Amino acid sequence: MRIAILAITVTLTVVTGGQSDRRNSLPADVGSGRVAWFDITTSNLAQSKEFYGKLFDWTFTSLKQTDQAVEIVSRGTAIGTIRVAEGKISAFNGVIYVQVADIQASCKKARDLGGNVAPGFPFNLPDGAGAIGLVLDPSGHPMGMYSRSLIPGGSPSK
């Protein structure tokens, strides 16, 4: 699981940091409780691009800092990434990020409800792009959370 968490952290850092010249503002505000971003993992990036491109009419934008991930674009809007998995695809690969108003309060609420916050989370994304948290529900399923607001006094992940 530690590798999966590291992969998620690296992917989000690459996605948000690698596109800072193209996105000078925060990602779209989809509203609390709605999916804000998702990450699909693959063992074959070219095959996945062809499959999802034809299935959903998605296009893809290369990320400047890596050839191991691409940004998914639907109707002109960036909606997620497809990235090469580190090793075998597992239950912890591919995460949905639900938008929340306050990442710290949402992580506390997840703990209060019997979930766990993954080590190293929450943290601010680079370039002021918001903050993310990763929680495991009481049965161990991972769920990402994204807030457009930064954690006060927090620094971005490196």
Protein backbone atom coordinates (compact mmCIF):
# COMPACT_ATOMS: atom_id res chain seq x y z
CA MET A 1 0.00 0.00 0.00
CA ARG A 2 2.90 2.36 0.69
CA ILE A 3 3.96 2.13 -2.96
CA ALA A 4 0.40 2.89 -4.08
CA ILE A 5 0.24 5.96 -1.84
CA LEU A 6 3.60 7.12 -3.14
CA ALA A 7 2.39 6.59 -6.72
CA ILE A 8 -0.75 8.62 -6.04
CA THR A 9 1.31 11.41 -4.49
CA VAL A 10 3.75 11.42 -7.40
CA THR A 11 0.94 11.37 -9.95
CA LEU A 12 -0.88 14.30 -8.38
CA THR A 13 2.37 16.23 -8.07
CA VAL A 14 3.18 15.58 -11.72
CA VAL A 15 -0.34 16.36 -12.86
CA THR A 16 -0.67 19.62 -11.01
CA GLY A 17 2.96 20.71 -11.14
CA GLY A 18 3.60 19.63 -14.71
CA GLN A 19 0.72 21.68 -16.04
CA SER A 20 1.21 24.88 -14.05
CA ASP A 21 2.11 26.84 -17.19
CA ARG A 22 -1.20 25.82 -18.85
CA ARG A 23 -3.43 26.14 -15.81
CA ASN A 24 -2.94 29.44 -14.06
CA SER A 25 -6.03 28.94 -11.91
CA LEU A 26 -7.51 26.27 -9.69
CA PRO A 27 -9.18 23.22 -11.22
CA ALA A 28 -12.89 23.62 -11.93
CA ASP A 29 -15.11 24.01 -8.88
CA VAL A 30 -17.46 21.04 -9.16
CA GLY A 31 -18.98 21.53 -5.70
CA SER A 32 -18.62 19.56 -2.49
CA GLY A 33 -19.52 15.89 -2.67
CA ARG A 34 -18.90 15.60 -6.44
CA VAL A 35 -16.02 13.88 -8.22
CA ALA A 36 -13.31 16.44 -8.90
CA TRP A 37 -10.58 14.24 -10.46
CA PHE A 38 -9.75 10.60 -11.07
CA ASP A 39 -6.67 8.57 -11.77
CA ILE A 40 -6.66 5.40 -13.93
CA THR A 41 -3.66 3.09 -13.73
CA THR A 42 -2.48 0.85 -16.53
CA SER A 43 0.27 -1.54 -17.49
CA ASN A 44 0.12 -0.32 -21.13
CA LEU A 45 -0.35 3.44 -21.61
CA ALA A 46 -0.74 3.33 -25.42
CA GLN A 47 -3.37 0.58 -25.23
CA SER A 48 -5.32 2.42 -22.51
CA LYS A 49 -5.28 5.69 -24.47
CA GLU A 50 -6.67 3.91 -27.52
CA PHE A 51 -9.33 2.04 -25.50
CA TYR A 52 -10.62 5.01 -23.46
CA GLY A 53 -10.24 7.44 -26.36
CA LYS A 54 -12.50 5.32 -28.55
CA LEU A 55 -14.87 4.33 -25.73
CA PHE A 56 -15.53 7.82 -24.34
CA ASP A 57 -14.19 10.10 -27.10
CA TRP A 58 -11.48 11.37 -24.75
CA THR A 59 -8.31 13.07 -25.93
CA PHE A 60 -5.01 13.16 -24.07
CA THR A 61 -2.43 15.80 -23.25
CA SER A 62 1.17 14.81 -22.61
CA LEU A 63 2.65 15.85 -19.31
CA LYS A 64 5.95 17.69 -19.63
CA GLN A 65 7.74 16.00 -16.72
CA THR A 66 6.97 12.37 -17.57
CA ASP A 67 6.21 9.89 -20.32
CA GLN A 68 4.50 7.64 -17.77
CA ALA A 69 1.22 9.58 -17.54
CA VAL A 70 -1.15 11.62 -19.68
CA GLU A 71 -3.92 14.01 -18.77
CA ILE A 72 -7.43 12.96 -19.83
CA VAL A 73 -9.40 15.69 -21.64
CA SER A 74 -13.16 15.50 -22.22
CA ARG A 75 -14.93 18.24 -24.18
CA GLY A 76 -11.97 20.55 -23.64
CA THR A 77 -11.76 20.03 -19.86
CA ALA A 78 -9.04 18.13 -18.01
CA ILE A 79 -10.81 15.49 -15.90
CA GLY A 80 -8.11 13.06 -14.77
CA THR A 81 -5.01 11.10 -15.68
CA ILE A 82 -4.02 7.71 -16.99
CA ARG A 83 -0.69 6.63 -15.54
CA VAL A 84 1.55 3.61 -15.71
CA ALA A 85 1.26 1.56 -12.51
CA GLU A 86 4.31 0.71 -10.48
CA GLY A 87 4.24 -3.06 -10.71
CA LYS A 88 1.06 -5.13 -10.90
CA ILE A 89 -2.31 -3.37 -10.92
CA SER A 90 -3.77 -3.67 -7.43
CA ALA A 91 -6.85 -2.62 -5.50
CA PHE A 92 -5.04 0.59 -4.51
CA ASN A 93 -4.38 1.70 -8.09
CA GLY A 94 -6.77 4.23 -9.52
CA VAL A 95 -8.36 6.67 -7.09
CA ILE A 96 -11.39 8.95 -7.33
CA TYR A 97 -11.06 12.37 -5.65
CA VAL A 98 -14.27 13.88 -4.27
CA GLN A 99 -14.31 17.64 -3.72
CA VAL A 100 -14.75 18.81 -0.12
CA ALA A 101 -14.92 22.30 1.39
CA ASP A 102 -12.34 21.71 4.15
CA ILE A 103 -9.75 18.93 3.77
CA GLN A 104 -8.73 18.89 7.43
CA ALA A 105 -12.32 18.75 8.70
CA SER A 106 -13.15 16.02 6.17
CA CYS A 107 -10.14 13.90 7.21
CA LYS A 108 -11.17 14.30 10.88
CA LYS A 109 -14.75 13.32 10.02
CA ALA A 110 -13.50 10.22 8.16
CA ARG A 111 -11.52 9.18 11.28
CA ASP A 112 -14.54 9.84 13.50
CA LEU A 113 -16.61 7.57 11.25
CA GLY A 114 -14.14 4.68 11.58
CA GLY A 115 -11.91 5.34 8.59
CA ASN A 116 -8.17 5.92 8.52
CA VAL A 117 -6.21 8.74 6.96
CA ALA A 118 -3.25 7.42 4.97
CA PRO A 119 0.18 8.42 6.30
CA GLY A 120 1.43 11.70 4.82
CA PHE A 121 -2.06 13.03 4.09
CA PRO A 122 -3.56 15.61 3.86
CA PHE A 123 -1.16 17.99 2.15
CA ASN A 124 -1.16 21.05 -0.10
CA LEU A 125 -0.59 20.55 -3.82
CA PRO A 126 2.10 22.56 -5.61
CA ASP A 127 1.38 25.96 -7.13
CA GLY A 128 -1.57 26.65 -4.80
CA ALA A 129 -3.76 24.12 -6.64
CA GLY A 130 -5.55 23.07 -3.44
CA ALA A 131 -5.03 20.21 -1.00
CA ILE A 132 -5.66 16.47 -1.04
CA GLY A 133 -6.35 13.76 1.48
CA LEU A 134 -6.46 9.99 1.09
CA VAL A 135 -8.63 8.00 3.46
CA LEU A 136 -9.37 4.31 3.79
CA ASP A 137 -12.99 3.58 4.63
CA PRO A 138 -13.75 1.13 7.48
CA SER A 139 -13.46 -1.78 5.02
CA GLY A 140 -10.11 -0.53 3.69
CA HIS A 141 -11.24 0.98 0.35
CA PRO A 142 -9.22 4.09 -0.60
CA MET A 143 -11.02 7.35 -1.38
CA GLY A 144 -9.33 10.61 -2.26
CA MET A 145 -10.59 14.02 -1.24
CA TYR A 146 -9.70 17.32 -2.89
CA SER A 147 -10.19 20.83 -1.54
CA ARG A 148 -9.70 24.00 -3.54
CA SER A 149 -8.61 25.63 -0.27
CA LEU A 150 -5.09 25.23 1.03
CA ILE A 151 -4.24 23.94 4.50
CA PRO A 152 -3.26 27.08 6.44
CA GLY A 153 0.46 27.02 7.15
CA GLY A 154 0.85 23.74 5.25
CA SER A 155 3.50 23.28 2.61
CA PRO A 156 3.19 21.38 -0.67
CA SER A 157 4.31 17.76 -1.00
CA LYS A 158 7.77 17.31 -2.47
